[in-house]
Amino acid sequence: MKKKPFLSFWQIWNMTFGFLGIQFGFALQNANSSRILQTYGADVEHLSLFWLAAPLTGMIIQPIVGHYSDRTWCKLGRRRPFFLVGAILTTIALVLMPNAGLFLSPETTHAILSPVLIGAGMLMIMDASINITMEPFRALVGDMLPDEQHTTGFSIQTFLIGIGAVVGSWLPSIMHKAFGFSNTAVAGEVADNVKYAFYAGAAILFLSVLWTILKTKEYSPQEMAEFNEGRATATDTKKRSGFMEIMHDIAHMPKVMWQLGLCQFFAWFALYSMWVYTTPALAEHVYASPDPASSGYATAGDKVGELFGIYNFVAMLFALLLIPIAKRIGRKMTHAVCLCLGGAGLISLYLLTDTNMMIISMIGIGIAWASILAMPYAILSDNLPPEKMGTYMGIFNFFITLPQITNGVIHGWIVRNIYSGHTIYALLTGGFFLFFAAAAVFLVKKK
């Protein structure tokens, strides 16, 4: 069997550089969607339902993109056509998201055509587009790198994700403090600093993905067959309809995917709580300003962007430490320790009212985030058949989207009826779930 050659640092950097821009999109979405949706009129107990747009589209899109990217071989390559299409769609969606109010008057009373539902629809389109772009990047690491470099590849991805997430999270504050764009607006309109942050993010996303497309040459089907002991590539497998093939692959997925799934469930349940509820939680818990139209709420929204930027900055730096740590104590122990630090960070947000002290909380969350983005995929990629890398990476996304969907369905009711509308308790719950995720890591048995 011919062995895949080791790639240089800069080759790995170029093939993962598009993740820098993708994370600009995710960071803007994660830090500002609740703020935008509440601006359009969403009640706090309904936020988790509106956020369901993201995991629902991810659950549908990623397996489909993975399945067809395994079977797409053209002049542009195997994964790069999806990078290009996804980047174009995501750029358009980022421009439209903060302008959903332009499609309808804020006075519209028809429930089906209300601005908040238009905003939720834009969120769904944006997330679907990001997923088209993102899923093949995970598979590309498995395609291009030998097993020994998988941890390195996913860690460099996490480093670039961190850079994009830091700057993306801080963009609204930068637009306000450095360029003078207002961080408040009349009721029903998104503030200018948020709008222009989304425009800048759209440009950066497109250019960074284009860099990967231009700088990366994928292996041909013949080369992939040589690397895989002559095993057929996905284009040579038994013909089934796309849907039936995906169902067959789900039924025969490697056992390690199910084992990692429990850990992923707890971790992503916690992350969903953090992304949905941190802005309203701090607005009430720290600034005593639950009204989305108040200046205190706007300040809380900007502060959350800054805090999210800090945890992503920590993740960016810590991603490079994951490689030597995992070599020393193993991937599973590394992941478990990181998740525990993240759990402690989320729980501490309940105990703190000084936003400067919350930087310590973000350090723990950032360490967990770095590991969540790298370790499960490094473990998984060693256990997947190469000709199904894209398909199974897409199917693995079920274990990310299902906990978010579960959270979205039940947490709004919990916030209203058990937490009495106090969203800070959702963050506390998320912290405990990260500890549960750490315990679940030890159920994973590698090949």
Protein backbone atom coordinates (compact mmCIF):
# COMPACT_ATOMS: atom_id res chain seq x y z
CA MET A 1 0.00 0.00 0.00
CA LYS A 2 1.29 3.42 -0.93
CA LYS A 3 1.46 5.74 2.09
CA LYS A 4 0.16 9.29 1.99
CA PRO A 5 3.09 11.73 2.12
CA PHE A 6 3.52 13.98 5.13
CA LEU A 7 2.51 17.54 4.29
CA SER A 8 4.41 20.62 5.40
CA PHE A 9 3.02 23.08 7.93
CA TRP A 10 2.17 25.59 5.20
CA GLN A 11 0.44 22.99 3.05
CA ILE A 12 -1.78 22.08 6.01
CA TRP A 13 -2.26 25.79 6.76
CA ASN A 14 -3.41 26.53 3.20
CA MET A 15 -5.82 23.57 3.04
CA THR A 16 -7.48 24.63 6.31
CA PHE A 17 -7.27 28.42 5.86
CA GLY A 18 -10.88 28.66 4.72
CA PHE A 19 -11.96 27.78 8.26
CA LEU A 20 -10.73 31.24 9.30
CA GLY A 21 -13.50 32.85 7.27
CA ILE A 22 -16.09 30.20 8.09
CA GLN A 23 -15.60 30.95 11.75
CA PHE A 24 -16.15 34.67 11.10
CA GLY A 25 -19.63 33.64 10.00
CA PHE A 26 -20.20 31.33 12.95
CA ALA A 27 -18.86 33.86 15.46
CA LEU A 28 -21.14 36.61 14.18
CA GLN A 29 -24.06 34.19 14.20
CA ASN A 30 -23.37 32.83 17.69
CA ALA A 31 -22.75 36.18 19.36
CA ASN A 32 -25.47 38.21 17.64
CA SER A 33 -28.39 36.02 16.54
CA SER A 34 -30.22 36.23 19.88
CA ARG A 35 -29.67 39.99 19.88
CA ILE A 36 -31.00 40.30 16.31
CA LEU A 37 -33.97 38.00 16.91
CA GLN A 38 -34.96 39.86 20.09
CA THR A 39 -34.64 43.12 18.16
CA TYR A 40 -37.14 41.71 15.66
CA GLY A 41 -39.49 40.86 18.53
CA ALA A 42 -38.64 37.34 19.76
CA ASP A 43 -39.51 36.59 23.41
CA VAL A 44 -36.66 35.21 25.50
CA GLU A 45 -38.43 31.88 26.13
CA HIS A 46 -38.80 31.39 22.37
CA LEU A 47 -35.15 32.06 21.50
CA SER A 48 -34.14 28.41 21.70
CA LEU A 49 -36.91 27.51 19.24
CA PHE A 50 -35.75 30.09 16.70
CA TRP A 51 -32.18 28.84 17.10
CA LEU A 52 -33.39 25.39 16.01
CA ALA A 53 -32.99 26.67 12.46
CA ALA A 54 -29.24 26.09 12.72
CA PRO A 55 -29.05 22.45 13.92
CA LEU A 56 -32.02 21.37 11.80
CA THR A 57 -30.37 22.59 8.62
CA GLY A 58 -27.03 21.14 9.72
CA MET A 59 -28.56 17.72 10.36
CA ILE A 60 -30.03 17.67 6.85
CA ILE A 61 -27.29 19.41 4.87
CA GLN A 62 -24.09 17.86 6.22
CA PRO A 63 -24.80 14.17 5.45
CA ILE A 64 -26.02 15.12 1.97
CA VAL A 65 -22.96 17.27 1.27
CA GLY A 66 -20.68 14.58 2.70
CA HIS A 67 -22.32 11.87 0.58
CA TYR A 68 -22.09 13.79 -2.68
CA SER A 69 -18.64 15.26 -2.02
CA ASP A 70 -17.36 11.67 -1.68
CA ARG A 71 -18.67 11.11 -5.22
CA THR A 72 -17.73 14.42 -6.83
CA TRP A 73 -14.60 14.32 -8.96
CA CYS A 74 -14.13 17.18 -11.40
CA LYS A 75 -11.47 19.62 -12.56
CA LEU A 76 -11.83 21.58 -9.34
CA GLY A 77 -11.42 18.43 -7.24
CA ARG A 78 -13.52 16.49 -4.76
CA ARG A 79 -14.24 18.91 -1.91
CA ARG A 80 -13.38 22.29 -3.46
CA PRO A 81 -16.56 22.62 -5.58
CA PHE A 82 -18.56 22.59 -2.35
CA PHE A 83 -16.21 25.15 -0.80
CA LEU A 84 -16.92 27.54 -3.67
CA VAL A 85 -20.71 27.13 -3.79
CA GLY A 86 -21.00 27.32 0.00
CA ALA A 87 -18.82 30.42 0.21
CA ILE A 88 -20.94 32.29 -2.33
CA LEU A 89 -24.19 31.38 -0.57
CA THR A 90 -22.82 32.18 2.89
CA THR A 91 -21.57 35.58 1.76
CA ILE A 92 -25.05 36.47 0.52
CA ALA A 93 -26.68 35.15 3.71
CA LEU A 94 -24.38 37.18 5.98
CA VAL A 95 -25.34 40.36 4.15
CA LEU A 96 -29.06 39.57 4.39
CA MET A 97 -29.24 38.39 8.04
CA PRO A 98 -29.09 41.83 9.75
CA ASN A 99 -31.38 43.29 7.09
CA ALA A 100 -34.32 40.92 7.47
CA GLY A 101 -36.44 43.87 8.57
CA LEU A 102 -36.15 45.38 5.09
CA PHE A 103 -38.28 42.61 3.64
CA LEU A 104 -41.28 43.58 5.76
CA SER A 105 -42.48 46.50 7.78
CA PRO A 106 -41.98 46.10 11.57
CA GLU A 107 -45.70 46.84 11.89
CA THR A 108 -46.59 43.65 10.00
CA THR A 109 -49.07 41.75 12.13
CA HIS A 110 -49.55 38.58 10.10
CA ALA A 111 -47.83 35.86 12.15
CA ILE A 112 -46.49 33.99 9.13
CA LEU A 113 -44.83 37.12 7.75
CA SER A 114 -43.55 38.73 10.95
CA PRO A 115 -40.00 40.17 10.91
CA VAL A 116 -38.84 37.74 13.61
CA LEU A 117 -39.81 34.76 11.44
CA ILE A 118 -38.08 36.33 8.46
CA GLY A 119 -35.01 36.69 10.71
CA ALA A 120 -35.25 33.04 11.73
CA GLY A 121 -35.50 32.10 8.06
CA MET A 122 -32.37 34.10 7.31
CA LEU A 123 -30.64 32.29 10.17
CA MET A 124 -31.61 28.96 8.59
CA ILE A 125 -30.32 30.01 5.16
CA MET A 126 -27.07 31.29 6.65
CA ASP A 127 -26.48 28.10 8.63
CA ALA A 128 -27.28 25.87 5.66
CA SER A 129 -24.79 27.81 3.55
CA ILE A 130 -22.08 27.62 6.22
CA ASN A 131 -22.65 23.86 6.50
CA ILE A 132 -22.19 23.40 2.74
CA THR A 133 -18.83 25.14 3.06
CA MET A 134 -17.68 23.62 6.35
CA GLU A 135 -18.42 19.89 6.12
CA PRO A 136 -15.95 19.14 3.30
CA PHE A 137 -13.16 20.88 5.25
CA ARG A 138 -13.36 18.14 7.91
CA ALA A 139 -13.26 15.44 5.25
CA LEU A 140 -10.36 17.15 3.45
CA VAL A 141 -8.09 16.58 6.46
CA GLY A 142 -8.84 12.86 6.31
CA ASP A 143 -8.34 12.85 2.53
CA MET A 144 -5.01 14.64 2.45
CA LEU A 145 -3.15 13.67 5.63
CA PRO A 146 -1.72 10.38 6.92
CA ASP A 147 -3.10 9.14 10.25
CA GLU A 148 -0.06 10.48 12.11
CA GLN A 149 -0.92 14.05 11.05
CA HIS A 150 -4.65 13.99 11.80
CA THR A 151 -4.24 15.58 15.25
CA THR A 152 -1.97 18.22 13.70
CA GLY A 153 -4.45 18.92 10.90
CA PHE A 154 -7.46 19.33 13.17
CA SER A 155 -5.42 21.36 15.67
CA ILE A 156 -4.35 23.81 12.96
CA GLN A 157 -8.01 24.00 11.91
CA THR A 158 -8.88 24.85 15.50
CA PHE A 159 -6.13 27.50 15.61
CA LEU A 160 -7.54 29.18 12.49
CA ILE A 161 -11.07 28.80 13.83
CA GLY A 162 -9.86 30.63 16.93
CA ILE A 163 -8.46 33.55 14.96
CA GLY A 164 -11.66 33.91 12.96
CA ALA A 165 -13.84 33.55 16.01
CA VAL A 166 -11.88 36.11 18.04
CA VAL A 167 -12.03 38.83 15.41
CA GLY A 168 -15.54 37.85 14.33
CA SER A 169 -16.85 38.05 17.89
CA TRP A 170 -15.20 41.42 18.45
CA LEU A 171 -16.26 42.94 15.12
CA PRO A 172 -19.43 44.67 16.44
CA SER A 173 -17.44 46.27 19.27
CA ILE A 174 -14.66 47.23 16.85
CA MET A 175 -17.19 48.80 14.49
CA HIS A 176 -18.64 50.80 17.40
CA LYS A 177 -15.48 51.83 19.27
CA ALA A 178 -13.01 52.19 16.40
CA PHE A 179 -15.22 53.30 13.52
CA GLY A 180 -18.02 55.08 15.35
CA PHE A 181 -21.00 53.02 14.17
CA SER A 182 -23.90 53.22 16.62
CA ASN A 183 -24.59 50.16 18.80
CA THR A 184 -28.23 51.12 19.32
CA ALA A 185 -31.10 51.60 16.87
CA VAL A 186 -34.79 52.37 16.87
CA ALA A 187 -37.08 49.53 17.91
CA GLY A 188 -37.24 46.78 15.32
CA GLU A 189 -33.97 47.67 13.57
CA VAL A 190 -30.51 46.15 13.95
CA ALA A 191 -27.77 48.51 15.12
CA ASP A 192 -25.32 49.76 12.49
CA ASN A 193 -22.27 48.30 14.24
CA VAL A 194 -23.79 44.82 13.94
CA LYS A 195 -24.78 45.35 10.29
CA TYR A 196 -21.31 46.45 9.20
CA ALA A 197 -19.70 43.65 11.20
CA PHE A 198 -21.74 41.17 9.14
CA TYR A 199 -20.71 42.88 5.89
CA ALA A 200 -17.02 42.69 6.82
CA GLY A 201 -17.42 39.07 7.89
CA ALA A 202 -18.99 38.19 4.54
CA ALA A 203 -16.01 39.58 2.62
CA ILE A 204 -13.44 37.86 4.83
CA LEU A 205 -15.25 34.51 4.61
CA PHE A 206 -15.33 34.53 0.83
CA LEU A 207 -11.69 35.53 0.42
CA SER A 208 -10.35 32.99 2.92
CA VAL A 209 -12.26 30.08 1.36
CA LEU A 210 -11.08 31.22 -2.08
CA TRP A 211 -7.49 31.04 -0.76
CA THR A 212 -7.91 27.35 0.12
CA ILE A 213 -9.50 26.63 -3.26
CA LEU A 214 -6.59 28.24 -5.13
CA LYS A 215 -3.77 26.92 -2.93
CA THR A 216 -4.81 23.27 -2.42
CA LYS A 217 -4.50 20.43 -4.92
CA GLU A 218 -6.55 17.37 -4.03
CA TYR A 219 -5.51 13.79 -4.77
CA SER A 220 -7.04 12.10 -7.81
CA PRO A 221 -9.30 9.02 -7.53
CA GLN A 222 -6.39 6.86 -8.70
CA GLU A 223 -4.07 8.24 -6.02
CA MET A 224 -6.73 7.74 -3.34
CA ALA A 225 -7.14 4.10 -4.41
CA GLU A 226 -3.38 3.58 -4.11
CA PHE A 227 -3.39 5.05 -0.59
CA ASN A 228 -6.33 2.87 0.47
CA GLU A 229 -4.99 -0.59 -0.36
CA GLY A 230 -6.81 -0.63 -3.68
CA ARG A 231 -10.19 -0.17 -1.98
CA ALA A 232 -12.78 1.43 -4.19
CA THR A 233 -13.43 5.10 -3.93
CA ALA A 234 -17.00 6.13 -3.32
CA THR A 235 -17.53 6.58 -7.05
CA ASP A 236 -16.94 2.85 -7.54
CA THR A 237 -19.21 1.49 -4.84
CA LYS A 238 -22.47 -0.33 -5.47
CA LYS A 239 -25.05 1.99 -6.96
CA ARG A 240 -27.89 2.99 -4.66
CA SER A 241 -30.00 6.10 -4.52
CA GLY A 242 -28.40 8.87 -2.49
CA PHE A 243 -30.98 8.54 0.29
CA MET A 244 -30.70 4.74 0.49
CA GLU A 245 -26.91 4.93 0.50
CA ILE A 246 -26.96 7.39 3.40
CA MET A 247 -29.42 5.17 5.30
CA HIS A 248 -27.16 2.16 4.66
CA ASP A 249 -24.14 4.07 5.95
CA ILE A 250 -26.02 5.16 9.08
CA ALA A 251 -27.02 1.56 9.79
CA HIS A 252 -23.41 0.39 9.38
CA MET A 253 -21.58 3.30 10.97
CA PRO A 254 -18.46 2.39 13.01
CA LYS A 255 -19.13 1.69 16.68
CA VAL A 256 -16.79 4.50 17.77
CA MET A 257 -19.25 7.01 16.29
CA TRP A 258 -21.98 5.86 18.68
CA GLN A 259 -19.55 5.95 21.60
CA LEU A 260 -18.39 9.47 20.77
CA GLY A 261 -22.01 10.45 20.23
CA LEU A 262 -22.89 10.43 23.94
CA CYS A 263 -19.98 12.72 24.74
CA GLN A 264 -20.96 14.98 21.85
CA PHE A 265 -24.57 15.10 23.05
CA PHE A 266 -23.70 16.54 26.46
CA ALA A 267 -21.04 18.91 25.09
CA TRP A 268 -23.18 20.43 22.34
CA PHE A 269 -26.23 20.69 24.59
CA ALA A 270 -24.07 22.90 26.81
CA LEU A 271 -22.71 24.96 23.91
CA TYR A 272 -26.19 25.60 22.54
CA SER A 273 -27.28 26.93 25.94
CA MET A 274 -24.28 29.25 26.02
CA TRP A 275 -24.78 30.64 22.52
CA VAL A 276 -28.53 31.16 22.89
CA TYR A 277 -28.73 32.55 26.41
CA THR A 278 -25.51 34.37 27.31
CA THR A 279 -26.66 37.75 25.97
CA PRO A 280 -30.07 37.82 27.73
CA ALA A 281 -28.52 36.19 30.83
CA LEU A 282 -25.86 38.87 31.27
CA ALA A 283 -28.28 41.64 30.29
CA GLU A 284 -30.47 40.65 33.24
CA HIS A 285 -27.94 39.16 35.68
CA VAL A 286 -25.23 41.83 35.36
CA TYR A 287 -26.76 44.91 33.71
CA ALA A 288 -30.36 44.60 34.99
CA SER A 289 -31.53 45.48 31.46
CA PRO A 290 -33.66 42.67 29.98
CA ASP A 291 -35.33 45.06 27.48
CA PRO A 292 -33.67 44.51 24.05
CA ALA A 293 -34.23 48.18 23.16
CA SER A 294 -32.32 49.47 26.23
CA SER A 295 -28.76 50.77 26.18
CA GLY A 296 -27.89 48.30 28.94
CA TYR A 297 -28.93 45.39 26.74
CA ALA A 298 -26.86 46.80 23.86
CA THR A 299 -23.87 47.04 26.19
CA ALA A 300 -24.45 43.44 27.29
CA GLY A 301 -24.62 42.33 23.66
CA ASP A 302 -21.31 44.01 22.86
CA LYS A 303 -19.74 42.58 26.04
CA VAL A 304 -20.86 39.06 25.13
CA GLY A 305 -19.18 39.49 21.75
CA GLU A 306 -15.97 40.50 23.54
CA LEU A 307 -16.18 37.58 25.98
CA PHE A 308 -16.85 35.14 23.15
CA GLY A 309 -13.83 36.59 21.39
CA ILE A 310 -11.73 35.88 24.49
CA TYR A 311 -12.75 32.23 24.72
CA ASN A 312 -12.03 31.82 21.04
CA PHE A 313 -8.64 33.52 21.49
CA VAL A 314 -7.84 31.03 24.25
CA ALA A 315 -8.98 28.19 21.97
CA MET A 316 -6.73 29.49 19.21
CA LEU A 317 -3.65 29.40 21.44
CA PHE A 318 -4.52 26.19 23.25
CA ALA A 319 -5.12 24.35 19.97
CA LEU A 320 -1.37 24.25 19.40
CA LEU A 321 -0.82 22.76 22.86
CA LEU A 322 -3.30 19.96 22.19
CA ILE A 323 -0.77 18.16 19.99
CA PRO A 324 1.95 17.61 22.64
CA ILE A 325 -0.59 17.12 25.44
CA ALA A 326 -2.47 14.43 23.50
CA LYS A 327 0.80 12.67 22.69
CA ARG A 328 1.70 12.62 26.39
CA ILE A 329 -1.57 11.66 28.11
CA GLY A 330 -3.70 10.45 25.20
CA ARG A 331 -6.56 12.00 23.28
CA LYS A 332 -9.34 10.80 25.59
CA MET A 333 -7.76 12.07 28.81
CA THR A 334 -6.90 15.36 27.12
CA HIS A 335 -10.50 15.81 25.98
CA ALA A 336 -11.96 14.91 29.39
CA VAL A 337 -9.77 17.38 31.28
CA CYS A 338 -10.56 20.16 28.81
CA LEU A 339 -14.31 19.54 29.11
CA CYS A 340 -14.10 19.75 32.91
CA LEU A 341 -12.37 23.13 32.67
CA GLY A 342 -15.13 24.32 30.34
CA GLY A 343 -17.80 23.13 32.75
CA ALA A 344 -16.18 25.06 35.57
CA GLY A 345 -16.06 28.15 33.35
CA LEU A 346 -19.77 28.04 32.50
CA ILE A 347 -20.82 27.44 36.10
CA SER A 348 -18.69 30.38 37.26
CA LEU A 349 -20.76 32.77 35.11
CA TYR A 350 -23.63 32.17 37.53
CA LEU A 351 -21.42 33.14 40.46
CA LEU A 352 -19.91 36.31 38.96
CA THR A 353 -21.32 39.78 38.35
CA ASP A 354 -18.02 41.47 37.39
CA THR A 355 -17.51 41.08 33.65
CA ASN A 356 -13.75 41.50 34.05
CA MET A 357 -13.67 38.40 36.26
CA MET A 358 -15.58 36.55 33.56
CA ILE A 359 -12.38 36.52 31.54
CA ILE A 360 -11.30 33.66 33.82
CA SER A 361 -14.52 31.84 32.93
CA MET A 362 -13.75 32.31 29.25
CA ILE A 363 -10.32 30.71 29.67
CA GLY A 364 -11.92 27.46 30.82
CA ILE A 365 -14.57 27.61 28.09
CA GLY A 366 -11.92 28.34 25.46
CA ILE A 367 -9.86 25.30 26.47
CA ALA A 368 -12.95 23.11 26.20
CA TRP A 369 -13.89 24.63 22.84
CA ALA A 370 -10.42 23.95 21.41
CA SER A 371 -10.70 20.30 22.39
CA ILE A 372 -14.30 19.93 21.15
CA LEU A 373 -13.22 21.15 17.71
CA ALA A 374 -10.22 18.83 17.44
CA MET A 375 -10.17 15.73 19.64
CA PRO A 376 -13.43 14.00 18.59
CA TYR A 377 -12.51 14.40 14.91
CA ALA A 378 -8.95 13.19 15.45
CA ILE A 379 -10.30 10.08 17.23
CA LEU A 380 -12.98 9.59 14.60
CA SER A 381 -10.87 10.03 11.46
CA ASP A 382 -8.56 7.18 12.51
CA ASN A 383 -11.57 4.85 12.61
CA LEU A 384 -13.33 5.68 9.32
CA PRO A 385 -13.03 3.99 5.92
CA PRO A 386 -11.25 6.53 3.67
CA GLU A 387 -13.72 6.15 0.79
CA LYS A 388 -16.56 7.15 3.17
CA MET A 389 -14.73 9.95 4.99
CA GLY A 390 -17.07 12.74 3.83
CA THR A 391 -20.23 10.72 4.36
CA TYR A 392 -19.39 9.67 7.91
CA MET A 393 -18.10 13.12 8.86
CA GLY A 394 -21.50 14.43 7.74
CA ILE A 395 -23.40 11.71 9.60
CA PHE A 396 -21.33 12.44 12.70
CA ASN A 397 -22.90 15.89 12.62
CA PHE A 398 -26.11 14.20 13.86
CA PHE A 399 -24.44 13.95 17.25
CA ILE A 400 -23.93 17.72 17.17
CA THR A 401 -27.35 18.74 15.88
CA LEU A 402 -29.55 16.33 17.89
CA PRO A 403 -28.51 17.76 21.29
CA GLN A 404 -29.08 21.27 19.99
CA ILE A 405 -32.53 20.32 18.70
CA THR A 406 -33.33 18.67 22.03
CA ASN A 407 -32.18 21.79 23.85
CA GLY A 408 -34.17 24.05 21.56
CA VAL A 409 -37.37 22.06 22.03
CA ILE A 410 -37.27 21.75 25.82
CA HIS A 411 -35.19 24.63 27.13
CA GLY A 412 -37.61 27.42 26.30
CA TRP A 413 -40.27 25.66 28.39
CA ILE A 414 -37.72 25.08 31.17
CA VAL A 415 -36.65 28.75 31.16
CA ARG A 416 -40.25 29.92 31.40
CA ASN A 417 -41.67 27.37 33.86
CA ILE A 418 -38.72 26.24 35.98
CA TYR A 419 -36.22 29.09 35.75
CA SER A 420 -39.01 31.73 35.90
CA GLY A 421 -37.50 33.49 32.90
CA HIS A 422 -34.01 33.77 34.47
CA THR A 423 -31.76 32.60 31.65
CA ILE A 424 -28.63 32.57 33.82
CA TYR A 425 -29.76 29.13 35.04
CA ALA A 426 -29.49 27.81 31.48
CA LEU A 427 -25.76 28.60 31.61
CA LEU A 428 -25.48 26.82 34.96
CA THR A 429 -27.15 23.73 33.48
CA GLY A 430 -24.76 23.86 30.53
CA GLY A 431 -21.79 23.78 32.89
CA PHE A 432 -22.96 20.55 34.50
CA PHE A 433 -23.54 19.02 31.07
CA LEU A 434 -19.89 19.60 30.17
CA PHE A 435 -18.91 17.55 33.23
CA PHE A 436 -21.24 14.79 32.02
CA ALA A 437 -19.52 14.96 28.61
CA ALA A 438 -16.13 14.53 30.28
CA ALA A 439 -17.31 11.34 31.99
CA ALA A 440 -18.71 10.00 28.71
CA VAL A 441 -15.31 10.30 27.00
CA PHE A 442 -14.11 7.20 28.84
CA LEU A 443 -16.81 5.08 27.18
CA VAL A 444 -15.07 5.52 23.82
CA LYS A 445 -13.13 2.46 22.66
CA LYS A 446 -10.88 3.08 19.67
CA LYS A 447 -10.03 0.49 17.02
